[in-house]
Amino acid sequence: MNKFSRDTFKYFDSAARNKNNLLWFEKNKTQYLEKVRAPFSELVETIGAEFQSQLPRIEITSRSITRPVRPKNRADEDGGLIKNFAHITLWEKKTSLFEWNPGIHFQVGTKKDDNFLGLGLYMVSSRQLSLLRNALVEDFEEIDALLSDRKLKKAWGGVKGDRYVRFPKGFNSEDPNTKYLWHKQFYLGQNFSRAEVIGKGFTKKVLQDLKIALPFFKWVRSVVGVYGKR
């Protein structure tokens, strides 16, 4: 069984020191394939076997894992040619150039914040925001029950992301059913230490926590839909 290891992070740390050295990558490509790509692919395929049937229109495949080398025209603005992290975002196919769909994002890398699992709506369009706000009020009891679930709170804490300084216009801030409107984004997330990522029970934890959060993710998807498919 392939799993993340100390060698996974050894590769990422070395990649950070050689971010513009394509010769280094060619010499270490096997290390990337065996210590990063292989365990990442196995985790994604395991997630697919567990949840694909519950997530229609989202293709869960290791083919979606980010490539290890950036195009040269993006190297300067994005931090170099060689990536010191790997990630995947699983979401429904885009139907607009200006809108991201709700997704499941997993990432591992050299920085502390790189080791992350999240799901929900991160980049919120104006169309999505309007639908989300109305649903957060009209379906308050349903979403509040999902977010108040004991297992979800233990695994994920609560809704992550930025909050508004001023309450959105058109809604009553004194109404208890509007409390979730303070959120600019609407997603769940958790960070991992390196020790957790390479730990024996990491895959099991990811599967368990995704199972707990899946009703929340399904709710978000059902509320905002897809651009042009209202």
C-alpha atoms as a PDB file:
ATOM      1  CA  MET A   1       0.000   0.000   0.000  1.00  0.00           C
ATOM      2  CA  ASN A   2       1.373   3.396  -0.989  1.00  0.00           C
ATOM      3  CA  LYS A   3       1.158   6.125   1.623  1.00  0.00           C
ATOM      4  CA  PHE A   4       2.728   9.484   2.265  1.00  0.00           C
ATOM      5  CA  SER A   5       6.063   9.288   4.076  1.00  0.00           C
ATOM      6  CA  ARG A   6       8.996  11.369   5.253  1.00  0.00           C
ATOM      7  CA  ASP A   7      10.352  11.013   1.730  1.00  0.00           C
ATOM      8  CA  THR A   8       7.239  12.803   0.439  1.00  0.00           C
ATOM      9  CA  PHE A   9       8.150  15.892   2.400  1.00  0.00           C
ATOM     10  CA  LYS A  10      11.840  15.439   1.675  1.00  0.00           C
ATOM     11  CA  TYR A  11      10.924  15.818  -1.996  1.00  0.00           C
ATOM     12  CA  PHE A  12       8.801  18.921  -1.349  1.00  0.00           C
ATOM     13  CA  ASP A  13      11.496  20.587   0.771  1.00  0.00           C
ATOM     14  CA  SER A  14      14.110  19.946  -1.883  1.00  0.00           C
ATOM     15  CA  ALA A  15      11.709  21.224  -4.566  1.00  0.00           C
ATOM     16  CA  ALA A  16      11.375  24.481  -2.612  1.00  0.00           C
ATOM     17  CA  ARG A  17      15.147  24.935  -2.762  1.00  0.00           C
ATOM     18  CA  ASN A  18      15.264  24.120  -6.486  1.00  0.00           C
ATOM     19  CA  LYS A  19      12.121  25.878  -7.652  1.00  0.00           C
ATOM     20  CA  ASN A  20      13.563  26.960 -11.013  1.00  0.00           C
ATOM     21  CA  ASN A  21      15.899  24.033 -11.645  1.00  0.00           C
ATOM     22  CA  LEU A  22      14.399  21.768 -14.296  1.00  0.00           C
ATOM     23  CA  LEU A  23      17.528  19.618 -14.286  1.00  0.00           C
ATOM     24  CA  TRP A  24      16.931  18.924 -10.585  1.00  0.00           C
ATOM     25  CA  PHE A  25      13.376  17.830 -11.345  1.00  0.00           C
ATOM     26  CA  GLU A  26      14.484  15.469 -14.100  1.00  0.00           C
ATOM     27  CA  LYS A  27      16.974  13.866 -11.692  1.00  0.00           C
ATOM     28  CA  ASN A  28      14.301  13.553  -9.018  1.00  0.00           C
ATOM     29  CA  LYS A  29      11.280  12.687 -11.158  1.00  0.00           C
ATOM     30  CA  THR A  30      11.274   9.090  -9.952  1.00  0.00           C
ATOM     31  CA  GLN A  31      11.202  10.362  -6.371  1.00  0.00           C
ATOM     32  CA  TYR A  32       8.187  12.487  -7.231  1.00  0.00           C
ATOM     33  CA  LEU A  33       6.368   9.612  -8.926  1.00  0.00           C
ATOM     34  CA  GLU A  34       7.024   7.124  -6.120  1.00  0.00           C
ATOM     35  CA  LYS A  35       6.801   9.319  -3.028  1.00  0.00           C
ATOM     36  CA  VAL A  36       4.247  11.955  -4.059  1.00  0.00           C
ATOM     37  CA  ARG A  37       2.213  10.880  -7.076  1.00  0.00           C
ATOM     38  CA  ALA A  38       1.733   7.221  -6.106  1.00  0.00           C
ATOM     39  CA  PRO A  39       0.404   7.747  -2.557  1.00  0.00           C
ATOM     40  CA  PHE A  40      -1.652  10.741  -3.676  1.00  0.00           C
ATOM     41  CA  SER A  41      -3.206   8.686  -6.493  1.00  0.00           C
ATOM     42  CA  GLU A  42      -3.993   5.825  -4.152  1.00  0.00           C
ATOM     43  CA  LEU A  43      -5.719   8.160  -1.708  1.00  0.00           C
ATOM     44  CA  VAL A  44      -7.810   9.717  -4.498  1.00  0.00           C
ATOM     45  CA  GLU A  45      -8.816   6.339  -5.882  1.00  0.00           C
ATOM     46  CA  THR A  46      -9.807   5.216  -2.382  1.00  0.00           C
ATOM     47  CA  ILE A  47     -11.950   8.345  -1.997  1.00  0.00           C
ATOM     48  CA  GLY A  48     -13.520   7.593  -5.372  1.00  0.00           C
ATOM     49  CA  ALA A  49     -14.350   4.006  -4.435  1.00  0.00           C
ATOM     50  CA  GLU A  50     -16.017   5.257  -1.256  1.00  0.00           C
ATOM     51  CA  PHE A  51     -17.905   8.323  -2.484  1.00  0.00           C
ATOM     52  CA  GLN A  52     -18.188   8.430  -6.288  1.00  0.00           C
ATOM     53  CA  SER A  53     -21.743   7.043  -6.309  1.00  0.00           C
ATOM     54  CA  GLN A  54     -22.830   9.777  -3.887  1.00  0.00           C
ATOM     55  CA  LEU A  55     -21.353  12.610  -5.930  1.00  0.00           C
ATOM     56  CA  PRO A  56     -22.972  12.584  -9.361  1.00  0.00           C
ATOM     57  CA  ARG A  57     -21.378  14.764 -12.022  1.00  0.00           C
ATOM     58  CA  ILE A  58     -18.107  14.952 -10.108  1.00  0.00           C
ATOM     59  CA  GLU A  59     -15.373  12.736 -11.528  1.00  0.00           C
ATOM     60  CA  ILE A  60     -13.091  11.484  -8.765  1.00  0.00           C
ATOM     61  CA  THR A  61      -9.884  10.507 -10.516  1.00  0.00           C
ATOM     62  CA  SER A  62      -6.164  10.811  -9.902  1.00  0.00           C
ATOM     63  CA  ARG A  63      -5.864  12.372 -13.363  1.00  0.00           C
ATOM     64  CA  SER A  64      -6.973  15.611 -11.713  1.00  0.00           C
ATOM     65  CA  ILE A  65      -3.911  15.820  -9.438  1.00  0.00           C
ATOM     66  CA  THR A  66      -1.946  18.958 -10.218  1.00  0.00           C
ATOM     67  CA  ARG A  67       1.174  18.655 -12.367  1.00  0.00           C
ATOM     68  CA  PRO A  68       4.546  19.007 -10.596  1.00  0.00           C
ATOM     69  CA  VAL A  69       5.964  21.604 -13.017  1.00  0.00           C
ATOM     70  CA  ARG A  70       4.409  24.938 -13.964  1.00  0.00           C
ATOM     71  CA  PRO A  71       4.393  26.383 -17.496  1.00  0.00           C
ATOM     72  CA  LYS A  72       7.298  28.802 -17.959  1.00  0.00           C
ATOM     73  CA  ASN A  73       4.953  31.751 -18.525  1.00  0.00           C
ATOM     74  CA  ARG A  74       3.514  31.275 -15.013  1.00  0.00           C
ATOM     75  CA  ALA A  75       6.690  30.477 -13.124  1.00  0.00           C
ATOM     76  CA  ASP A  76       7.529  34.000 -11.950  1.00  0.00           C
ATOM     77  CA  GLU A  77       4.062  34.956 -10.742  1.00  0.00           C
ATOM     78  CA  ASP A  78       3.345  31.617  -9.054  1.00  0.00           C
ATOM     79  CA  GLY A  79       6.656  30.979  -7.303  1.00  0.00           C
ATOM     80  CA  GLY A  80       8.891  29.071  -9.672  1.00  0.00           C
ATOM     81  CA  LEU A  81       8.810  26.226 -12.157  1.00  0.00           C
ATOM     82  CA  ILE A  82       8.870  23.358  -9.666  1.00  0.00           C
ATOM     83  CA  LYS A  83       5.930  23.057  -7.279  1.00  0.00           C
ATOM     84  CA  ASN A  84       6.694  22.247  -3.639  1.00  0.00           C
ATOM     85  CA  PHE A  85       3.184  20.924  -3.091  1.00  0.00           C
ATOM     86  CA  ALA A  86       0.571  18.766  -4.806  1.00  0.00           C
ATOM     87  CA  HIS A  87      -3.181  19.207  -4.757  1.00  0.00           C
ATOM     88  CA  ILE A  88      -6.449  18.123  -6.265  1.00  0.00           C
ATOM     89  CA  THR A  89      -9.868  19.776  -6.454  1.00  0.00           C
ATOM     90  CA  LEU A  90     -12.871  17.590  -7.153  1.00  0.00           C
ATOM     91  CA  TRP A  91     -15.879  19.496  -8.480  1.00  0.00           C
ATOM     92  CA  GLU A  92     -18.518  19.542 -11.146  1.00  0.00           C
ATOM     93  CA  LYS A  93     -17.337  20.670 -14.563  1.00  0.00           C
ATOM     94  CA  LYS A  94     -17.406  24.444 -14.974  1.00  0.00           C
ATOM     95  CA  THR A  95     -20.063  25.961 -17.215  1.00  0.00           C
ATOM     96  CA  SER A  96     -18.788  29.525 -16.814  1.00  0.00           C
ATOM     97  CA  LEU A  97     -15.345  31.093 -17.029  1.00  0.00           C
ATOM     98  CA  PHE A  98     -16.294  33.367 -14.144  1.00  0.00           C
ATOM     99  CA  GLU A  99     -17.541  30.884 -11.572  1.00  0.00           C
ATOM    100  CA  TRP A 100     -16.067  28.023  -9.542  1.00  0.00           C
ATOM    101  CA  ASN A 101     -18.340  25.212  -8.408  1.00  0.00           C
ATOM    102  CA  PRO A 102     -18.395  23.812  -4.853  1.00  0.00           C
ATOM    103  CA  GLY A 103     -15.528  21.372  -4.490  1.00  0.00           C
ATOM    104  CA  ILE A 104     -13.465  19.063  -2.347  1.00  0.00           C
ATOM    105  CA  HIS A 105      -9.849  20.208  -2.104  1.00  0.00           C
ATOM    106  CA  PHE A 106      -6.918  18.212  -0.744  1.00  0.00           C
ATOM    107  CA  GLN A 107      -3.318  19.405  -0.661  1.00  0.00           C
ATOM    108  CA  VAL A 108       0.049  18.362   0.738  1.00  0.00           C
ATOM    109  CA  GLY A 109       3.268  20.332   0.590  1.00  0.00           C
ATOM    110  CA  THR A 110       6.268  21.838   2.290  1.00  0.00           C
ATOM    111  CA  LYS A 111       4.545  24.729   4.090  1.00  0.00           C
ATOM    112  CA  LYS A 112       2.518  24.262   7.260  1.00  0.00           C
ATOM    113  CA  ASP A 113      -0.684  25.514   5.622  1.00  0.00           C
ATOM    114  CA  ASP A 114      -0.170  23.295   2.568  1.00  0.00           C
ATOM    115  CA  ASN A 115      -1.443  20.191   4.335  1.00  0.00           C
ATOM    116  CA  PHE A 116      -5.143  20.811   4.071  1.00  0.00           C
ATOM    117  CA  LEU A 117      -8.499  19.164   3.378  1.00  0.00           C
ATOM    118  CA  GLY A 118     -11.566  21.281   2.687  1.00  0.00           C
ATOM    119  CA  LEU A 119     -14.934  21.150   0.997  1.00  0.00           C
ATOM    120  CA  GLY A 120     -17.678  23.575   0.126  1.00  0.00           C
ATOM    121  CA  LEU A 121     -17.753  26.959  -1.593  1.00  0.00           C
ATOM    122  CA  TYR A 122     -14.505  28.944  -1.485  1.00  0.00           C
ATOM    123  CA  MET A 123     -14.665  31.393  -4.404  1.00  0.00           C
ATOM    124  CA  VAL A 124     -18.229  32.717  -4.328  1.00  0.00           C
ATOM    125  CA  SER A 125     -19.771  34.389  -7.394  1.00  0.00           C
ATOM    126  CA  SER A 126     -22.562  36.959  -7.140  1.00  0.00           C
ATOM    127  CA  ARG A 127     -25.046  34.398  -8.477  1.00  0.00           C
ATOM    128  CA  GLN A 128     -23.987  31.821  -5.907  1.00  0.00           C
ATOM    129  CA  LEU A 129     -23.982  34.379  -3.115  1.00  0.00           C
ATOM    130  CA  SER A 130     -27.579  35.391  -3.780  1.00  0.00           C
ATOM    131  CA  LEU A 131     -28.781  31.786  -3.818  1.00  0.00           C
ATOM    132  CA  LEU A 132     -26.698  30.858  -0.799  1.00  0.00           C
ATOM    133  CA  ARG A 133     -27.905  33.757   1.332  1.00  0.00           C
ATOM    134  CA  ASN A 134     -31.553  33.047   0.620  1.00  0.00           C
ATOM    135  CA  ALA A 135     -31.098  29.349   1.381  1.00  0.00           C
ATOM    136  CA  LEU A 136     -29.200  30.046   4.602  1.00  0.00           C
ATOM    137  CA  VAL A 137     -32.256  31.900   5.867  1.00  0.00           C
ATOM    138  CA  GLU A 138     -35.069  29.861   4.302  1.00  0.00           C
ATOM    139  CA  ASP A 139     -33.452  26.480   5.066  1.00  0.00           C
ATOM    140  CA  PHE A 140     -31.909  27.618   8.348  1.00  0.00           C
ATOM    141  CA  GLU A 141     -33.117  24.655  10.388  1.00  0.00           C
ATOM    142  CA  GLU A 142     -31.627  22.142   7.936  1.00  0.00           C
ATOM    143  CA  ILE A 143     -28.210  23.753   7.568  1.00  0.00           C
ATOM    144  CA  ASP A 144     -28.029  24.594  11.264  1.00  0.00           C
ATOM    145  CA  ALA A 145     -28.734  20.956  12.140  1.00  0.00           C
ATOM    146  CA  LEU A 146     -25.967  19.844   9.772  1.00  0.00           C
ATOM    147  CA  LEU A 147     -23.420  22.275  11.201  1.00  0.00           C
ATOM    148  CA  SER A 148     -24.465  21.596  14.807  1.00  0.00           C
ATOM    149  CA  ASP A 149     -23.936  17.860  14.466  1.00  0.00           C
ATOM    150  CA  ARG A 150     -21.623  16.677  17.220  1.00  0.00           C
ATOM    151  CA  LYS A 151     -19.420  14.576  14.928  1.00  0.00           C
ATOM    152  CA  LEU A 152     -19.084  17.376  12.387  1.00  0.00           C
ATOM    153  CA  LYS A 153     -18.140  19.923  15.025  1.00  0.00           C
ATOM    154  CA  LYS A 154     -15.528  17.565  16.477  1.00  0.00           C
ATOM    155  CA  ALA A 155     -13.967  16.782  13.088  1.00  0.00           C
ATOM    156  CA  TRP A 156     -14.294  20.140  11.331  1.00  0.00           C
ATOM    157  CA  GLY A 157     -15.086  22.765  13.943  1.00  0.00           C
ATOM    158  CA  GLY A 158     -17.366  24.974  11.886  1.00  0.00           C
ATOM    159  CA  VAL A 159     -17.590  27.117   8.779  1.00  0.00           C
ATOM    160  CA  LYS A 160     -14.213  28.529   7.764  1.00  0.00           C
ATOM    161  CA  GLY A 161     -13.206  31.528   5.690  1.00  0.00           C
ATOM    162  CA  ASP A 162     -13.588  35.297   5.809  1.00  0.00           C
ATOM    163  CA  ARG A 163     -16.436  37.106   7.578  1.00  0.00           C
ATOM    164  CA  TYR A 164     -18.100  40.418   6.805  1.00  0.00           C
ATOM    165  CA  VAL A 165     -17.350  43.459   8.912  1.00  0.00           C
ATOM    166  CA  ARG A 166     -20.841  44.826   8.209  1.00  0.00           C
ATOM    167  CA  PHE A 167     -23.918  42.643   8.041  1.00  0.00           C
ATOM    168  CA  PRO A 168     -25.322  42.151   4.503  1.00  0.00           C
ATOM    169  CA  LYS A 169     -28.003  44.638   3.492  1.00  0.00           C
ATOM    170  CA  GLY A 170     -31.563  43.437   3.186  1.00  0.00           C
ATOM    171  CA  PHE A 171     -31.365  41.044   6.125  1.00  0.00           C
ATOM    172  CA  ASN A 172     -32.048  41.471   9.831  1.00  0.00           C
ATOM    173  CA  SER A 173     -28.922  40.867  11.920  1.00  0.00           C
ATOM    174  CA  GLU A 174     -31.103  40.412  15.024  1.00  0.00           C
ATOM    175  CA  ASP A 175     -32.889  37.425  13.503  1.00  0.00           C
ATOM    176  CA  PRO A 176     -31.237  34.226  14.823  1.00  0.00           C
ATOM    177  CA  ASN A 177     -31.980  32.551  11.490  1.00  0.00           C
ATOM    178  CA  THR A 178     -29.542  34.877   9.718  1.00  0.00           C
ATOM    179  CA  LYS A 179     -26.412  34.070  11.738  1.00  0.00           C
ATOM    180  CA  TYR A 180     -24.672  32.281   8.865  1.00  0.00           C
ATOM    181  CA  LEU A 181     -24.913  35.372   6.653  1.00  0.00           C
ATOM    182  CA  TRP A 182     -21.811  36.748   8.360  1.00  0.00           C
ATOM    183  CA  HIS A 183     -19.731  34.371   6.223  1.00  0.00           C
ATOM    184  CA  LYS A 184     -18.218  35.557   2.943  1.00  0.00           C
ATOM    185  CA  GLN A 185     -17.246  31.976   2.084  1.00  0.00           C
ATOM    186  CA  PHE A 186     -18.954  28.752   3.055  1.00  0.00           C
ATOM    187  CA  TYR A 187     -16.656  25.797   3.464  1.00  0.00           C
ATOM    188  CA  LEU A 188     -15.281  23.364   6.025  1.00  0.00           C
ATOM    189  CA  GLY A 189     -11.551  22.837   6.370  1.00  0.00           C
ATOM    190  CA  GLN A 190      -8.882  21.202   8.464  1.00  0.00           C
ATOM    191  CA  ASN A 191      -5.088  21.394   8.508  1.00  0.00           C
ATOM    192  CA  PHE A 192      -2.709  18.535   9.237  1.00  0.00           C
ATOM    193  CA  SER A 193       0.781  18.312  10.615  1.00  0.00           C
ATOM    194  CA  ARG A 194       3.374  16.344   8.673  1.00  0.00           C
ATOM    195  CA  ALA A 195       3.233  13.673  11.352  1.00  0.00           C
ATOM    196  CA  GLU A 196      -0.512  13.278  10.760  1.00  0.00           C
ATOM    197  CA  VAL A 197      -0.128  13.039   6.985  1.00  0.00           C
ATOM    198  CA  ILE A 198       2.445  10.250   7.219  1.00  0.00           C
ATOM    199  CA  GLY A 199       0.690   8.573  10.137  1.00  0.00           C
ATOM    200  CA  LYS A 200      -0.743   5.068   9.973  1.00  0.00           C
ATOM    201  CA  GLY A 201      -4.390   6.094  10.157  1.00  0.00           C
ATOM    202  CA  PHE A 202      -4.374   9.092   7.811  1.00  0.00           C
ATOM    203  CA  THR A 203      -6.389   7.574   4.961  1.00  0.00           C
ATOM    204  CA  LYS A 204      -8.972   6.252   7.401  1.00  0.00           C
ATOM    205  CA  LYS A 205      -9.303   9.692   8.994  1.00  0.00           C
ATOM    206  CA  VAL A 206      -9.771  11.404   5.627  1.00  0.00           C
ATOM    207  CA  LEU A 207     -12.512   8.954   4.664  1.00  0.00           C
ATOM    208  CA  GLN A 208     -14.259   9.254   8.024  1.00  0.00           C
ATOM    209  CA  ASP A 209     -14.182  13.045   8.033  1.00  0.00           C
ATOM    210  CA  LEU A 210     -15.375  13.307   4.434  1.00  0.00           C
ATOM    211  CA  LYS A 211     -18.273  10.983   5.260  1.00  0.00           C
ATOM    212  CA  ILE A 212     -19.229  13.230   8.172  1.00  0.00           C
ATOM    213  CA  ALA A 213     -19.057  16.381   6.021  1.00  0.00           C
ATOM    214  CA  LEU A 214     -20.718  14.983   2.900  1.00  0.00           C
ATOM    215  CA  PRO A 215     -24.296  16.047   3.858  1.00  0.00           C
ATOM    216  CA  PHE A 216     -23.027  19.626   4.227  1.00  0.00           C
ATOM    217  CA  PHE A 217     -21.309  19.457   0.844  1.00  0.00           C
ATOM    218  CA  LYS A 218     -24.417  18.036  -0.814  1.00  0.00           C
ATOM    219  CA  TRP A 219     -26.512  20.825   0.684  1.00  0.00           C
ATOM    220  CA  VAL A 220     -24.207  23.515  -0.684  1.00  0.00           C
ATOM    221  CA  ARG A 221     -24.204  21.922  -4.143  1.00  0.00           C
ATOM    222  CA  SER A 222     -28.003  21.613  -4.187  1.00  0.00           C
ATOM    223  CA  VAL A 223     -28.412  25.255  -3.169  1.00  0.00           C
ATOM    224  CA  VAL A 224     -26.119  26.991  -5.671  1.00  0.00           C
ATOM    225  CA  GLY A 225     -26.436  24.541  -8.569  1.00  0.00           C
ATOM    226  CA  VAL A 226     -24.344  25.190 -11.665  1.00  0.00           C
ATOM    227  CA  TYR A 227     -24.289  28.314 -13.828  1.00  0.00           C
ATOM    228  CA  GLY A 228     -26.845  28.036 -16.623  1.00  0.00           C
ATOM    229  CA  LYS A 229     -28.543  25.022 -15.020  1.00  0.00           C
ATOM    230  CA  ARG A 230     -30.895  26.670 -12.565  1.00  0.00           C
END
